[in-house]
Amino acid sequence: MGLAESEIVPISEEVRRILRSGGFAHLATVMRNGAPHVVPVWVDCVGDDIVFLKEASSIGARNIRRDSRIAMSVSPPGEPYVVVGLRAVVTETRRGPEAVEWLQDTSMRYTGAEWPYPGEAVMMIARPVRIWVRSYLEDSPSGVPTGPTEGVGISDDGTTDTASPVP
């Protein structure tokens, strides 16, 4: 599924900070029968792309090959009530040395050590179509506002949606 340039949602500095905080992302994909499948993943962003890694033979990777739409949420470590949520489309996969290098760099950020089992790593590149940030606490340590925030993205009917409250 290709995305037009106008459908690409930029990643704000606030969202970028949370995505790079070392918090686990919860990746949702769609099973063949339509059921949701959710797994924790390490996440990063490069430019306005979301980057994560799956093993080639994993259920999530198989789901993405069949249906490239994903959803993801992530909270910074120590701030479980601050949430970035997003919907995106996986537009590219990369294997080999580049994927292993990303895995090793990301492993250092998450664990402080190289990942000893690179296996059949597949780096997934996803373009966000909807991003939102929300805090469920009055005094968020990160300063994220309490309650619904204005999200930016593409609505379900394909039009640009910048004014509606976040779901």
N, C-alpha and C. Protein backbone atom coordinates (compact mmCIF):
# COMPACT_ATOMS: atom_id res chain seq x y z
N MET A 1 0.85 -1.18 0.00
CA MET A 1 0.00 0.00 0.00
C MET A 1 0.89 1.23 0.00
N GLY A 2 0.83 2.02 -1.02
CA GLY A 2 1.63 3.24 -1.09
C GLY A 2 0.91 4.40 -0.43
N LEU A 3 1.67 5.31 0.11
CA LEU A 3 1.10 6.49 0.74
C LEU A 3 1.51 7.72 -0.04
N ALA A 4 0.55 8.60 -0.29
CA ALA A 4 0.86 9.87 -0.93
C ALA A 4 1.60 10.75 0.06
N GLU A 5 2.43 11.65 -0.44
CA GLU A 5 3.20 12.54 0.42
C GLU A 5 2.30 13.28 1.39
N SER A 6 1.09 13.65 0.97
CA SER A 6 0.17 14.38 1.85
C SER A 6 -0.37 13.51 2.98
N GLU A 7 -0.22 12.17 2.89
CA GLU A 7 -0.73 11.28 3.92
C GLU A 7 0.31 10.98 5.01
N ILE A 8 1.53 11.47 4.85
CA ILE A 8 2.57 11.21 5.83
C ILE A 8 2.42 12.17 6.98
N VAL A 9 2.33 11.65 8.19
CA VAL A 9 2.15 12.46 9.39
C VAL A 9 3.53 12.68 10.02
N PRO A 10 3.93 13.93 10.23
CA PRO A 10 5.23 14.19 10.85
C PRO A 10 5.24 13.79 12.33
N ILE A 11 6.40 13.36 12.80
CA ILE A 11 6.58 12.99 14.20
C ILE A 11 7.10 14.21 14.95
N SER A 12 6.34 14.66 15.94
CA SER A 12 6.75 15.84 16.73
C SER A 12 7.93 15.49 17.62
N GLU A 13 8.60 16.51 18.15
CA GLU A 13 9.73 16.28 19.05
C GLU A 13 9.27 15.57 20.33
N GLU A 14 8.08 15.91 20.82
CA GLU A 14 7.55 15.26 22.02
C GLU A 14 7.35 13.76 21.77
N VAL A 15 6.76 13.40 20.64
CA VAL A 15 6.54 12.00 20.29
C VAL A 15 7.88 11.30 20.07
N ARG A 16 8.80 11.97 19.37
CA ARG A 16 10.13 11.41 19.11
C ARG A 16 10.84 11.08 20.43
N ARG A 17 10.76 11.98 21.40
CA ARG A 17 11.39 11.77 22.71
C ARG A 17 10.82 10.53 23.39
N ILE A 18 9.50 10.36 23.34
CA ILE A 18 8.86 9.20 23.97
C ILE A 18 9.21 7.92 23.23
N LEU A 19 9.19 7.96 21.89
CA LEU A 19 9.54 6.76 21.12
C LEU A 19 10.98 6.32 21.38
N ARG A 20 11.87 7.26 21.66
CA ARG A 20 13.29 6.94 21.89
C ARG A 20 13.63 6.79 23.38
N SER A 21 12.62 6.77 24.24
CA SER A 21 12.85 6.77 25.70
C SER A 21 13.29 5.42 26.24
N GLY A 22 13.18 4.38 25.46
CA GLY A 22 13.51 3.04 25.96
C GLY A 22 12.30 2.30 26.49
N GLY A 23 11.12 2.88 26.31
CA GLY A 23 9.88 2.18 26.71
C GLY A 23 9.51 1.16 25.66
N PHE A 24 8.95 0.04 26.10
CA PHE A 24 8.50 -0.97 25.16
C PHE A 24 7.25 -0.49 24.42
N ALA A 25 7.22 -0.72 23.14
CA ALA A 25 6.03 -0.44 22.35
C ALA A 25 5.18 -1.70 22.32
N HIS A 26 3.89 -1.53 22.20
CA HIS A 26 2.96 -2.65 22.04
C HIS A 26 2.46 -2.58 20.60
N LEU A 27 2.89 -3.54 19.81
CA LEU A 27 2.59 -3.58 18.38
C LEU A 27 1.36 -4.45 18.14
N ALA A 28 0.36 -3.89 17.47
CA ALA A 28 -0.85 -4.63 17.13
C ALA A 28 -0.89 -4.86 15.63
N THR A 29 -1.10 -6.12 15.25
CA THR A 29 -1.30 -6.50 13.86
C THR A 29 -2.62 -7.26 13.77
N VAL A 30 -3.03 -7.59 12.56
CA VAL A 30 -4.31 -8.26 12.35
C VAL A 30 -4.06 -9.68 11.86
N MET A 31 -4.62 -10.65 12.58
CA MET A 31 -4.51 -12.06 12.18
C MET A 31 -5.36 -12.31 10.93
N ARG A 32 -5.13 -13.43 10.29
CA ARG A 32 -5.87 -13.79 9.08
C ARG A 32 -7.39 -13.78 9.33
N ASN A 33 -7.82 -14.23 10.53
CA ASN A 33 -9.25 -14.29 10.83
C ASN A 33 -9.81 -12.97 11.36
N GLY A 34 -8.97 -11.91 11.36
CA GLY A 34 -9.41 -10.60 11.81
C GLY A 34 -9.16 -10.31 13.28
N ALA A 35 -8.71 -11.31 14.04
CA ALA A 35 -8.43 -11.11 15.46
C ALA A 35 -7.17 -10.25 15.63
N PRO A 36 -7.11 -9.48 16.69
CA PRO A 36 -5.89 -8.69 16.94
C PRO A 36 -4.78 -9.58 17.49
N HIS A 37 -3.55 -9.18 17.21
CA HIS A 37 -2.35 -9.84 17.75
C HIS A 37 -1.46 -8.73 18.27
N VAL A 38 -1.10 -8.76 19.56
CA VAL A 38 -0.32 -7.70 20.18
C VAL A 38 0.92 -8.29 20.83
N VAL A 39 2.08 -7.68 20.55
CA VAL A 39 3.34 -8.11 21.15
C VAL A 39 4.19 -6.89 21.50
N PRO A 40 5.05 -7.02 22.52
CA PRO A 40 5.97 -5.92 22.83
C PRO A 40 7.13 -5.91 21.84
N VAL A 41 7.57 -4.72 21.45
CA VAL A 41 8.72 -4.58 20.55
C VAL A 41 9.55 -3.38 20.99
N TRP A 42 10.82 -3.39 20.61
CA TRP A 42 11.66 -2.20 20.74
C TRP A 42 11.32 -1.30 19.57
N VAL A 43 11.36 0.00 19.78
CA VAL A 43 10.94 0.94 18.75
C VAL A 43 11.91 2.12 18.67
N ASP A 44 11.95 2.73 17.51
CA ASP A 44 12.75 3.92 17.28
C ASP A 44 12.06 4.69 16.16
N CYS A 45 12.56 5.87 15.86
CA CYS A 45 12.08 6.61 14.70
C CYS A 45 13.29 7.16 13.95
N VAL A 46 13.16 7.17 12.65
CA VAL A 46 14.19 7.72 11.76
C VAL A 46 13.45 8.68 10.84
N GLY A 47 13.74 9.96 10.97
CA GLY A 47 12.96 10.94 10.23
C GLY A 47 11.52 10.86 10.73
N ASP A 48 10.58 10.73 9.81
CA ASP A 48 9.18 10.58 10.17
C ASP A 48 8.69 9.15 10.03
N ASP A 49 9.62 8.20 10.05
CA ASP A 49 9.29 6.77 9.99
C ASP A 49 9.43 6.13 11.35
N ILE A 50 8.57 5.16 11.64
CA ILE A 50 8.66 4.33 12.83
C ILE A 50 9.46 3.09 12.43
N VAL A 51 10.40 2.68 13.28
CA VAL A 51 11.24 1.52 12.99
C VAL A 51 11.12 0.53 14.14
N PHE A 52 10.91 -0.73 13.80
CA PHE A 52 10.90 -1.80 14.80
C PHE A 52 11.38 -3.07 14.12
N LEU A 53 11.61 -4.11 14.89
CA LEU A 53 12.18 -5.32 14.34
C LEU A 53 11.32 -6.52 14.70
N LYS A 54 11.19 -7.44 13.76
CA LYS A 54 10.49 -8.70 13.99
C LYS A 54 11.36 -9.82 13.42
N GLU A 55 11.20 -11.02 13.94
CA GLU A 55 11.82 -12.18 13.32
C GLU A 55 10.98 -12.55 12.11
N ALA A 56 11.65 -12.96 11.03
CA ALA A 56 10.96 -13.24 9.77
C ALA A 56 9.84 -14.25 9.92
N SER A 57 10.02 -15.24 10.79
CA SER A 57 9.03 -16.31 10.93
C SER A 57 7.97 -16.02 11.98
N SER A 58 8.01 -14.83 12.61
CA SER A 58 7.05 -14.54 13.68
C SER A 58 5.64 -14.34 13.14
N ILE A 59 4.68 -14.52 14.02
CA ILE A 59 3.27 -14.30 13.65
C ILE A 59 3.08 -12.86 13.20
N GLY A 60 3.67 -11.91 13.93
CA GLY A 60 3.53 -10.49 13.58
C GLY A 60 4.06 -10.19 12.19
N ALA A 61 5.24 -10.74 11.84
CA ALA A 61 5.81 -10.52 10.50
C ALA A 61 4.91 -11.11 9.43
N ARG A 62 4.37 -12.29 9.68
CA ARG A 62 3.44 -12.91 8.70
C ARG A 62 2.19 -12.05 8.54
N ASN A 63 1.67 -11.54 9.67
CA ASN A 63 0.49 -10.68 9.60
C ASN A 63 0.78 -9.43 8.77
N ILE A 64 1.95 -8.82 8.97
CA ILE A 64 2.31 -7.59 8.26
C ILE A 64 2.50 -7.86 6.77
N ARG A 65 3.05 -9.00 6.41
CA ARG A 65 3.18 -9.33 4.97
C ARG A 65 1.81 -9.41 4.30
N ARG A 66 0.80 -9.86 5.05
CA ARG A 66 -0.55 -9.99 4.50
C ARG A 66 -1.33 -8.67 4.57
N ASP A 67 -1.15 -7.92 5.67
CA ASP A 67 -1.89 -6.67 5.88
C ASP A 67 -0.93 -5.71 6.56
N SER A 68 -0.50 -4.69 5.86
CA SER A 68 0.58 -3.82 6.35
C SER A 68 0.15 -2.79 7.38
N ARG A 69 -1.12 -2.76 7.74
CA ARG A 69 -1.60 -1.80 8.75
C ARG A 69 -1.22 -2.28 10.15
N ILE A 70 -0.73 -1.34 10.97
CA ILE A 70 -0.39 -1.65 12.35
C ILE A 70 -0.92 -0.55 13.26
N ALA A 71 -0.96 -0.86 14.54
CA ALA A 71 -1.20 0.15 15.58
C ALA A 71 -0.14 -0.10 16.65
N MET A 72 0.19 0.95 17.39
CA MET A 72 1.25 0.84 18.38
C MET A 72 0.97 1.83 19.50
N SER A 73 1.35 1.44 20.72
CA SER A 73 1.35 2.38 21.84
C SER A 73 2.67 2.22 22.57
N VAL A 74 3.13 3.30 23.18
CA VAL A 74 4.37 3.26 23.97
C VAL A 74 4.28 4.29 25.08
N SER A 75 4.78 3.91 26.26
CA SER A 75 4.90 4.82 27.40
C SER A 75 6.35 4.90 27.80
N PRO A 76 6.83 6.08 28.20
CA PRO A 76 8.21 6.17 28.66
C PRO A 76 8.40 5.36 29.95
N PRO A 77 9.60 4.83 30.19
CA PRO A 77 9.85 4.11 31.44
C PRO A 77 9.54 5.01 32.64
N GLY A 78 8.84 4.46 33.62
CA GLY A 78 8.51 5.22 34.82
C GLY A 78 7.33 6.15 34.65
N GLU A 79 6.74 6.21 33.46
CA GLU A 79 5.58 7.08 33.22
C GLU A 79 4.47 6.30 32.51
N PRO A 80 3.92 5.28 33.17
CA PRO A 80 2.94 4.43 32.49
C PRO A 80 1.64 5.13 32.12
N TYR A 81 1.41 6.33 32.65
CA TYR A 81 0.18 7.05 32.34
C TYR A 81 0.34 8.07 31.23
N VAL A 82 1.54 8.14 30.65
CA VAL A 82 1.78 8.95 29.47
C VAL A 82 1.85 7.98 28.29
N VAL A 83 1.05 8.22 27.26
CA VAL A 83 0.95 7.27 26.17
C VAL A 83 1.05 7.97 24.82
N VAL A 84 1.89 7.42 23.94
CA VAL A 84 1.85 7.77 22.52
C VAL A 84 1.12 6.62 21.84
N GLY A 85 0.13 6.95 21.07
CA GLY A 85 -0.58 5.94 20.27
C GLY A 85 -0.45 6.32 18.82
N LEU A 86 -0.39 5.33 17.96
CA LEU A 86 -0.31 5.64 16.54
C LEU A 86 -0.88 4.51 15.71
N ARG A 87 -1.30 4.88 14.53
CA ARG A 87 -1.63 3.92 13.49
C ARG A 87 -0.68 4.19 12.34
N ALA A 88 -0.23 3.14 11.68
CA ALA A 88 0.77 3.31 10.62
C ALA A 88 0.62 2.19 9.59
N VAL A 89 1.34 2.36 8.50
CA VAL A 89 1.40 1.35 7.44
C VAL A 89 2.86 0.99 7.24
N VAL A 90 3.18 -0.30 7.30
CA VAL A 90 4.54 -0.74 7.04
C VAL A 90 4.77 -0.62 5.54
N THR A 91 5.76 0.19 5.16
CA THR A 91 6.03 0.48 3.75
C THR A 91 7.28 -0.20 3.23
N GLU A 92 8.10 -0.72 4.15
CA GLU A 92 9.37 -1.30 3.72
C GLU A 92 9.87 -2.27 4.77
N THR A 93 10.55 -3.32 4.32
CA THR A 93 11.26 -4.22 5.23
C THR A 93 12.70 -4.31 4.76
N ARG A 94 13.61 -4.46 5.72
CA ARG A 94 15.03 -4.59 5.40
C ARG A 94 15.59 -5.76 6.19
N ARG A 95 16.46 -6.53 5.54
CA ARG A 95 17.10 -7.68 6.18
C ARG A 95 18.61 -7.54 6.11
N GLY A 96 19.29 -8.51 6.67
CA GLY A 96 20.73 -8.56 6.54
C GLY A 96 21.46 -7.64 7.48
N PRO A 97 22.66 -7.20 7.07
CA PRO A 97 23.53 -6.42 7.96
C PRO A 97 22.88 -5.16 8.52
N GLU A 98 22.08 -4.46 7.70
CA GLU A 98 21.44 -3.23 8.19
C GLU A 98 20.47 -3.53 9.33
N ALA A 99 19.69 -4.60 9.20
CA ALA A 99 18.74 -4.97 10.24
C ALA A 99 19.47 -5.42 11.51
N VAL A 100 20.53 -6.20 11.35
CA VAL A 100 21.30 -6.67 12.51
C VAL A 100 21.97 -5.48 13.21
N GLU A 101 22.50 -4.54 12.43
CA GLU A 101 23.13 -3.35 13.03
C GLU A 101 22.11 -2.55 13.83
N TRP A 102 20.90 -2.36 13.27
CA TRP A 102 19.86 -1.63 14.00
C TRP A 102 19.51 -2.39 15.28
N LEU A 103 19.39 -3.73 15.20
CA LEU A 103 19.08 -4.54 16.37
C LEU A 103 20.15 -4.37 17.45
N GLN A 104 21.42 -4.40 17.05
CA GLN A 104 22.50 -4.28 18.03
C GLN A 104 22.50 -2.88 18.68
N ASP A 105 22.33 -1.84 17.87
CA ASP A 105 22.29 -0.47 18.41
C ASP A 105 21.10 -0.30 19.36
N THR A 106 19.97 -0.82 18.97
CA THR A 106 18.76 -0.70 19.78
C THR A 106 18.87 -1.53 21.05
N SER A 107 19.47 -2.72 20.95
CA SER A 107 19.69 -3.56 22.12
C SER A 107 20.55 -2.83 23.15
N MET A 108 21.58 -2.12 22.67
CA MET A 108 22.43 -1.35 23.58
C MET A 108 21.60 -0.29 24.32
N ARG A 109 20.67 0.35 23.59
CA ARG A 109 19.85 1.40 24.21
C ARG A 109 18.88 0.80 25.23
N TYR A 110 18.29 -0.37 24.92
CA TYR A 110 17.31 -0.98 25.80
C TYR A 110 17.93 -1.79 26.94
N THR A 111 19.05 -2.50 26.67
CA THR A 111 19.59 -3.43 27.65
C THR A 111 21.00 -3.11 28.12
N GLY A 112 21.70 -2.25 27.38
CA GLY A 112 23.09 -1.96 27.72
C GLY A 112 24.06 -3.00 27.19
N ALA A 113 23.58 -3.95 26.39
CA ALA A 113 24.44 -5.00 25.84
C ALA A 113 23.99 -5.34 24.43
N GLU A 114 24.89 -5.94 23.65
CA GLU A 114 24.50 -6.41 22.31
C GLU A 114 23.54 -7.59 22.44
N TRP A 115 22.69 -7.74 21.44
CA TRP A 115 21.73 -8.84 21.41
C TRP A 115 22.45 -10.10 20.94
N PRO A 116 22.47 -11.16 21.74
CA PRO A 116 23.26 -12.33 21.39
C PRO A 116 22.64 -13.24 20.34
N TYR A 117 21.35 -13.03 20.00
CA TYR A 117 20.65 -13.94 19.08
C TYR A 117 20.01 -13.18 17.93
N PRO A 118 20.79 -12.61 17.00
CA PRO A 118 20.18 -11.79 15.96
C PRO A 118 19.22 -12.57 15.06
N GLY A 119 19.38 -13.88 14.93
CA GLY A 119 18.43 -14.70 14.17
C GLY A 119 18.16 -14.14 12.79
N GLU A 120 16.95 -14.29 12.37
CA GLU A 120 16.52 -13.82 11.04
C GLU A 120 15.78 -12.50 11.23
N ALA A 121 16.54 -11.45 11.56
CA ALA A 121 15.97 -10.15 11.88
C ALA A 121 15.43 -9.46 10.63
N VAL A 122 14.22 -8.91 10.75
CA VAL A 122 13.63 -8.11 9.69
C VAL A 122 13.28 -6.75 10.28
N MET A 123 13.91 -5.72 9.76
CA MET A 123 13.65 -4.35 10.20
C MET A 123 12.42 -3.85 9.45
N MET A 124 11.43 -3.39 10.18
CA MET A 124 10.18 -2.90 9.59
C MET A 124 10.18 -1.37 9.65
N ILE A 125 9.86 -0.75 8.53
CA ILE A 125 9.76 0.71 8.43
C ILE A 125 8.29 1.03 8.20
N ALA A 126 7.72 1.84 9.09
CA ALA A 126 6.29 2.17 8.99
C ALA A 126 6.10 3.68 8.94
N ARG A 127 5.14 4.10 8.13
CA ARG A 127 4.76 5.51 8.02
C ARG A 127 3.49 5.76 8.83
N PRO A 128 3.57 6.65 9.82
CA PRO A 128 2.37 6.93 10.63
C PRO A 128 1.29 7.64 9.79
N VAL A 129 0.04 7.25 10.05
CA VAL A 129 -1.10 7.95 9.45
C VAL A 129 -1.94 8.64 10.54
N ARG A 130 -1.65 8.34 11.79
CA ARG A 130 -2.34 8.98 12.93
C ARG A 130 -1.44 8.84 14.15
N ILE A 131 -1.21 9.93 14.86
CA ILE A 131 -0.39 9.93 16.08
C ILE A 131 -1.10 10.77 17.13
N TRP A 132 -1.11 10.30 18.38
CA TRP A 132 -1.64 11.10 19.46
C TRP A 132 -0.81 10.86 20.72
N VAL A 133 -0.88 11.82 21.64
CA VAL A 133 -0.19 11.76 22.92
C VAL A 133 -1.20 12.11 23.99
N ARG A 134 -1.14 11.38 25.11
CA ARG A 134 -2.09 11.66 26.19
C ARG A 134 -1.45 11.31 27.53
N SER A 135 -1.78 12.10 28.55
CA SER A 135 -1.40 11.79 29.92
C SER A 135 -2.68 11.57 30.71
N TYR A 136 -2.66 10.55 31.55
CA TYR A 136 -3.82 10.26 32.38
C TYR A 136 -3.63 10.75 33.82
N LEU A 137 -2.55 11.52 34.06
CA LEU A 137 -2.28 12.09 35.38
C LEU A 137 -2.36 13.60 35.32
N GLU A 138 -2.75 14.21 36.43
CA GLU A 138 -2.79 15.68 36.51
C GLU A 138 -1.42 16.29 36.32
N ASP A 139 -0.40 15.74 37.01
CA ASP A 139 0.95 16.30 36.97
C ASP A 139 1.91 15.29 36.34
N SER A 140 1.89 15.22 35.03
CA SER A 140 2.78 14.30 34.33
C SER A 140 4.22 14.79 34.47
N PRO A 141 5.16 13.90 34.86
CA PRO A 141 6.56 14.31 34.96
C PRO A 141 7.11 14.85 33.64
N SER A 142 6.57 14.38 32.52
CA SER A 142 7.09 14.84 31.23
C SER A 142 6.39 16.09 30.73
N GLY A 143 5.36 16.55 31.45
CA GLY A 143 4.68 17.76 31.04
C GLY A 143 3.63 17.55 29.95
N VAL A 144 3.30 16.30 29.63
CA VAL A 144 2.26 16.03 28.63
C VAL A 144 0.93 16.42 29.24
N PRO A 145 0.09 17.14 28.48
CA PRO A 145 -1.20 17.59 29.03
C PRO A 145 -2.10 16.42 29.43
N THR A 146 -2.92 16.65 30.45
CA THR A 146 -3.88 15.66 30.89
C THR A 146 -5.07 15.67 29.94
N GLY A 147 -5.64 14.50 29.71
CA GLY A 147 -6.84 14.39 28.91
C GLY A 147 -6.53 14.27 27.43
N PRO A 148 -7.60 14.24 26.63
CA PRO A 148 -7.41 14.05 25.20
C PRO A 148 -6.58 15.18 24.60
N THR A 149 -5.73 14.83 23.68
CA THR A 149 -4.95 15.82 22.96
C THR A 149 -5.43 15.83 21.52
N GLU A 150 -5.06 16.86 20.83
CA GLU A 150 -5.38 16.92 19.41
C GLU A 150 -4.42 16.02 18.67
N GLY A 151 -4.94 15.06 17.97
CA GLY A 151 -4.11 14.18 17.16
C GLY A 151 -3.99 14.73 15.76
N VAL A 152 -3.02 14.27 15.04
CA VAL A 152 -2.85 14.66 13.65
C VAL A 152 -2.81 13.39 12.84
N GLY A 153 -3.50 13.38 11.74
CA GLY A 153 -3.43 12.18 10.92
C GLY A 153 -4.47 12.15 9.84
N ILE A 154 -4.65 10.97 9.33
CA ILE A 154 -5.61 10.71 8.27
C ILE A 154 -6.80 10.00 8.91
N SER A 155 -7.98 10.53 8.71
CA SER A 155 -9.17 9.91 9.30
C SER A 155 -9.47 8.60 8.58
N ASP A 156 -10.42 7.84 9.14
CA ASP A 156 -10.76 6.55 8.56
C ASP A 156 -11.29 6.66 7.13
N ASP A 157 -11.83 7.82 6.76
CA ASP A 157 -12.33 7.98 5.40
C ASP A 157 -11.26 8.49 4.44
N GLY A 158 -10.01 8.65 4.94
CA GLY A 158 -8.91 9.03 4.06
C GLY A 158 -8.63 10.51 3.97
N THR A 159 -9.44 11.33 4.65
CA THR A 159 -9.22 12.77 4.59
C THR A 159 -8.31 13.20 5.74
N THR A 160 -7.66 14.34 5.59
CA THR A 160 -6.80 14.86 6.66
C THR A 160 -7.65 15.24 7.84
N ASP A 161 -7.20 14.83 9.03
CA ASP A 161 -7.97 15.02 10.26
C ASP A 161 -7.05 15.63 11.30
N THR A 162 -7.15 16.95 11.51
CA THR A 162 -6.28 17.59 12.49
C THR A 162 -7.04 18.22 13.64
N ALA A 163 -8.35 18.22 13.61
CA ALA A 163 -9.09 18.94 14.64
C ALA A 163 -9.89 18.05 15.57
N SER A 164 -10.10 16.79 15.21
CA SER A 164 -10.94 15.97 16.07
C SER A 164 -10.17 15.46 17.27
N PRO A 165 -10.85 15.32 18.41
CA PRO A 165 -10.17 14.76 19.59
C PRO A 165 -9.69 13.36 19.31
N VAL A 166 -8.67 12.99 20.02
CA VAL A 166 -8.08 11.67 19.86
C VAL A 166 -9.01 10.61 20.36
N PRO A 167 -9.06 9.48 19.65
CA PRO A 167 -9.96 8.39 20.11
C PRO A 167 -9.47 7.79 21.40
